[in-house]
PDB file of N, CA and C in Angstrom:
ATOM      1  N   MET A   1      74.395  79.988  92.216  1.00  0.00           N
ATOM      2  CA  MET A   1      74.110  79.164  91.079  1.00  0.00           C
ATOM      3  C   MET A   1      75.196  78.116  90.875  1.00  0.00           C
ATOM      4  N   ASP A   2      76.450  78.474  91.195  1.00  0.00           N
ATOM      5  CA  ASP A   2      77.540  77.526  91.000  1.00  0.00           C
ATOM      6  C   ASP A   2      77.670  76.556  92.165  1.00  0.00           C
ATOM      7  N   LYS A   3      76.998  76.849  93.268  1.00  0.00           N
ATOM      8  CA  LYS A   3      77.000  75.991  94.468  1.00  0.00           C
ATOM      9  C   LYS A   3      78.416  75.747  94.985  1.00  0.00           C
ATOM     10  N   GLN A   4      79.156  76.835  95.107  1.00  0.00           N
ATOM     11  CA  GLN A   4      80.509  76.743  95.647  1.00  0.00           C
ATOM     12  C   GLN A   4      80.515  77.315  97.064  1.00  0.00           C
ATOM     13  N   TRP A   5      79.777  76.669  97.946  1.00  0.00           N
ATOM     14  CA  TRP A   5      79.634  77.142  99.318  1.00  0.00           C
ATOM     15  C   TRP A   5      80.925  77.010 100.108  1.00  0.00           C
ATOM     16  N   MET A   6      81.783  76.122  99.718  1.00  0.00           N
ATOM     17  CA  MET A   6      83.062  75.978 100.418  1.00  0.00           C
ATOM     18  C   MET A   6      83.900  77.248 100.255  1.00  0.00           C
ATOM     19  N   LEU A   7      83.863  77.854  99.074  1.00  0.00           N
ATOM     20  CA  LEU A   7      84.593  79.100  98.845  1.00  0.00           C
ATOM     21  C   LEU A   7      83.967  80.259  99.610  1.00  0.00           C
ATOM     22  N   VAL A   8      82.667  80.248  99.786  1.00  0.00           N
ATOM     23  CA  VAL A   8      81.990  81.279 100.584  1.00  0.00           C
ATOM     24  C   VAL A   8      82.440  81.173 102.034  1.00  0.00           C
ATOM     25  N   GLY A   9      82.512  79.952 102.541  1.00  0.00           N
ATOM     26  CA  GLY A   9      82.971  79.750 103.922  1.00  0.00           C
ATOM     27  C   GLY A   9      84.418  80.164 104.109  1.00  0.00           C
ATOM     28  N   LEU A  10      85.258  79.857 103.148  1.00  0.00           N
ATOM     29  CA  LEU A  10      86.664  80.245 103.215  1.00  0.00           C
ATOM     30  C   LEU A  10      86.807  81.764 103.141  1.00  0.00           C
ATOM     31  N   GLY A  11      86.018  82.393 102.300  1.00  0.00           N
ATOM     32  CA  GLY A  11      86.030  83.854 102.211  1.00  0.00           C
ATOM     33  C   GLY A  11      85.547  84.501 103.494  1.00  0.00           C
ATOM     34  N   ALA A  12      84.535  83.918 104.111  1.00  0.00           N
ATOM     35  CA  ALA A  12      84.038  84.445 105.387  1.00  0.00           C
ATOM     36  C   ALA A  12      85.090  84.301 106.477  1.00  0.00           C
ATOM     37  N   LEU A  13      85.829  83.204 106.451  1.00  0.00           N
ATOM     38  CA  LEU A  13      86.892  83.006 107.426  1.00  0.00           C
ATOM     39  C   LEU A  13      87.962  84.084 107.290  1.00  0.00           C
ATOM     40  N   PHE A  14      88.398  84.335 106.047  1.00  0.00           N
ATOM     41  CA  PHE A  14      89.429  85.342 105.826  1.00  0.00           C
ATOM     42  C   PHE A  14      88.901  86.762 106.064  1.00  0.00           C
ATOM     43  N   ALA A  15      87.603  86.971 105.952  1.00  0.00           N
ATOM     44  CA  ALA A  15      87.028  88.279 106.246  1.00  0.00           C
ATOM     45  C   ALA A  15      86.904  88.507 107.750  1.00  0.00           C
ATOM     46  N   LEU A  16      86.640  87.451 108.514  1.00  0.00           N
ATOM     47  CA  LEU A  16      86.473  87.597 109.965  1.00  0.00           C
ATOM     48  C   LEU A  16      87.796  87.662 110.724  1.00  0.00           C
ATOM     49  N   MET A  17      88.848  87.101 110.147  1.00  0.00           N
ATOM     50  CA  MET A  17      90.136  87.082 110.864  1.00  0.00           C
ATOM     51  C   MET A  17      90.623  88.484 111.226  1.00  0.00           C
ATOM     52  N   PRO A  18      90.673  89.462 110.327  1.00  0.00           N
ATOM     53  CA  PRO A  18      91.129  90.792 110.752  1.00  0.00           C
ATOM     54  C   PRO A  18      90.105  91.516 111.622  1.00  0.00           C
ATOM     55  N   LEU A  19      88.831  91.218 111.444  1.00  0.00           N
ATOM     56  CA  LEU A  19      87.812  91.870 112.260  1.00  0.00           C
ATOM     57  C   LEU A  19      87.882  91.414 113.713  1.00  0.00           C
ATOM     58  N   MET A  20      88.239  90.167 113.934  1.00  0.00           N
ATOM     59  CA  MET A  20      88.359  89.630 115.290  1.00  0.00           C
ATOM     60  C   MET A  20      89.774  89.755 115.843  1.00  0.00           C
ATOM     61  N   ASN A  21      90.693  90.289 115.038  1.00  0.00           N
ATOM     62  CA  ASN A  21      92.095  90.461 115.404  1.00  0.00           C
ATOM     63  C   ASN A  21      92.741  89.126 115.785  1.00  0.00           C
ATOM     64  N   ILE A  22      92.501  88.113 114.977  1.00  0.00           N
ATOM     65  CA  ILE A  22      93.121  86.815 115.191  1.00  0.00           C
ATOM     66  C   ILE A  22      93.834  86.411 113.907  1.00  0.00           C
ATOM     67  N   GLY A  23      94.761  85.492 114.037  1.00  0.00           N
ATOM     68  CA  GLY A  23      95.473  85.002 112.871  1.00  0.00           C
ATOM     69  C   GLY A  23      95.503  83.493 112.885  1.00  0.00           C
ATOM     70  N   CYS A  24      96.236  82.936 111.986  1.00  0.00           N
ATOM     71  CA  CYS A  24      96.324  81.488 111.901  1.00  0.00           C
ATOM     72  C   CYS A  24      97.060  80.889 113.097  1.00  0.00           C
ATOM     73  N   CYS A  25      97.921  81.675 113.712  1.00  0.00           N
ATOM     74  CA  CYS A  25      98.719  81.171 114.834  1.00  0.00           C
ATOM     75  C   CYS A  25      98.065  81.429 116.176  1.00  0.00           C
ATOM     76  N   GLY A  26      96.900  82.023 116.217  1.00  0.00           N
ATOM     77  CA  GLY A  26      96.250  82.347 117.483  1.00  0.00           C
ATOM     78  C   GLY A  26      96.557  83.775 117.883  1.00  0.00           C
ATOM     79  N   ASN A  27      96.124  84.144 119.078  1.00  0.00           N
ATOM     80  CA  ASN A  27      96.331  85.509 119.553  1.00  0.00           C
ATOM     81  C   ASN A  27      97.815  85.782 119.732  1.00  0.00           C
ATOM     82  N   ALA A  28      98.271  86.868 119.169  1.00  0.00           N
ATOM     83  CA  ALA A  28      99.669  87.328 119.247  1.00  0.00           C
ATOM     84  C   ALA A  28     100.636  86.255 118.760  1.00  0.00           C
ATOM     85  N   GLY A  29     100.257  85.521 117.745  1.00  0.00           N
ATOM     86  CA  GLY A  29     101.113  84.467 117.230  1.00  0.00           C
ATOM     87  C   GLY A  29     102.314  84.984 116.480  1.00  0.00           C
ATOM     88  N   CYS A  30     102.245  86.204 116.006  1.00  0.00           N
ATOM     89  CA  CYS A  30     103.347  86.758 115.227  1.00  0.00           C
ATOM     90  C   CYS A  30     104.184  87.746 116.026  1.00  0.00           C
ATOM     91  N   SER A  31     103.953  87.832 117.323  1.00  0.00           N
ATOM     92  CA  SER A  31     104.727  88.778 118.122  1.00  0.00           C
ATOM     93  C   SER A  31     106.139  88.245 118.344  1.00  0.00           C
ATOM     94  N   THR A  32     107.055  89.155 118.552  1.00  0.00           N
ATOM     95  CA  THR A  32     108.441  88.781 118.810  1.00  0.00           C
ATOM     96  C   THR A  32     108.794  89.119 120.237  1.00  0.00           C
ATOM     97  N   LEU A  33     109.767  88.429 120.756  1.00  0.00           N
ATOM     98  CA  LEU A  33     110.212  88.699 122.108  1.00  0.00           C
ATOM     99  C   LEU A  33     111.090  89.940 122.119  1.00  0.00           C
ATOM    100  N   SER A  34     110.892  90.768 123.108  1.00  0.00           N
ATOM    101  CA  SER A  34     111.730  91.954 123.214  1.00  0.00           C
ATOM    102  C   SER A  34     112.876  91.652 124.181  1.00  0.00           C
ATOM    103  N   ALA A  35     114.069  91.975 123.748  1.00  0.00           N
ATOM    104  CA  ALA A  35     115.248  91.737 124.569  1.00  0.00           C
ATOM    105  C   ALA A  35     115.337  92.836 125.619  1.00  0.00           C
ATOM    106  N   ARG A  36     115.384  92.430 126.873  1.00  0.00           N
ATOM    107  CA  ARG A  36     115.508  93.396 127.955  1.00  0.00           C
ATOM    108  C   ARG A  36     116.939  93.374 128.446  1.00  0.00           C
ATOM    109  N   SER A  37     117.481  94.547 128.555  1.00  0.00           N
ATOM    110  CA  SER A  37     118.867  94.656 128.946  1.00  0.00           C
ATOM    111  C   SER A  37     118.982  95.592 130.139  1.00  0.00           C
ATOM    112  N   ASN A  38     119.811  95.214 131.108  1.00  0.00           N
ATOM    113  CA  ASN A  38     120.034  96.055 132.269  1.00  0.00           C
ATOM    114  C   ASN A  38     121.292  96.901 132.110  1.00  0.00           C
ATOM    115  N   LYS A  39     121.896  96.860 130.932  1.00  0.00           N
ATOM    116  CA  LYS A  39     123.108  97.634 130.695  1.00  0.00           C
ATOM    117  C   LYS A  39     122.769  99.116 130.636  1.00  0.00           C
ATOM    118  N   LYS A  40     123.610  99.911 131.266  1.00  0.00           N
ATOM    119  CA  LYS A  40     123.416 101.353 131.203  1.00  0.00           C
ATOM    120  C   LYS A  40     124.135 101.883 129.979  1.00  0.00           C
ATOM    121  N   LEU A  41     123.499 102.808 129.305  1.00  0.00           N
ATOM    122  CA  LEU A  41     124.084 103.388 128.110  1.00  0.00           C
ATOM    123  C   LEU A  41     125.120 104.424 128.510  1.00  0.00           C
ATOM    124  N   GLU A  42     126.259 104.378 127.838  1.00  0.00           N
ATOM    125  CA  GLU A  42     127.307 105.343 128.112  1.00  0.00           C
ATOM    126  C   GLU A  42     127.029 106.630 127.347  1.00  0.00           C
ATOM    127  N   GLU A  43     127.399 107.721 127.945  1.00  0.00           N
ATOM    128  CA  GLU A  43     127.226 109.019 127.303  1.00  0.00           C
ATOM    129  C   GLU A  43     128.221 109.134 126.160  1.00  0.00           C
ATOM    130  N   THR A  44     127.734 109.500 125.002  1.00  0.00           N
ATOM    131  CA  THR A  44     128.586 109.642 123.831  1.00  0.00           C
ATOM    132  C   THR A  44     129.140 111.057 123.797  1.00  0.00           C
ATOM    133  N   THR A  45     130.436 111.160 123.632  1.00  0.00           N
ATOM    134  CA  THR A  45     131.062 112.472 123.518  1.00  0.00           C
ATOM    135  C   THR A  45     131.517 112.686 122.095  1.00  0.00           C
ATOM    136  N   TYR A  46     131.356 113.917 121.625  1.00  0.00           N
ATOM    137  CA  TYR A  46     131.733 114.252 120.261  1.00  0.00           C
ATOM    138  C   TYR A  46     132.836 115.304 120.295  1.00  0.00           C
ATOM    139  N   GLU A  47     133.710 115.200 119.347  1.00  0.00           N
ATOM    140  CA  GLU A  47     134.805 116.157 119.227  1.00  0.00           C
ATOM    141  C   GLU A  47     134.596 116.938 117.944  1.00  0.00           C
ATOM    142  N   GLU A  48     134.604 118.263 118.070  1.00  0.00           N
ATOM    143  CA  GLU A  48     134.381 119.099 116.913  1.00  0.00           C
ATOM    144  C   GLU A  48     135.666 119.221 116.108  1.00  0.00           C
ATOM    145  N   VAL A  49     135.575 118.953 114.816  1.00  0.00           N
ATOM    146  CA  VAL A  49     136.749 119.016 113.934  1.00  0.00           C
ATOM    147  C   VAL A  49     136.572 120.238 113.032  1.00  0.00           C
ATOM    148  N   ARG A  50     137.597 121.074 113.010  1.00  0.00           N
ATOM    149  CA  ARG A  50     137.525 122.281 112.171  1.00  0.00           C
ATOM    150  C   ARG A  50     138.494 122.219 111.040  1.00  0.00           C
TER     151      ARG A  50
END
């Protein structure tokens, strides 16, 4: 009755985005780069204090 079809289209867009697993930035737009390191971890030694 109010003829606000633009809001219906915008609502449909926001409803389909999580269903299609997409975002405003495209596929995996919010992913972060993982730092890869070839450093070997040293064994941690603990000393018991009494």
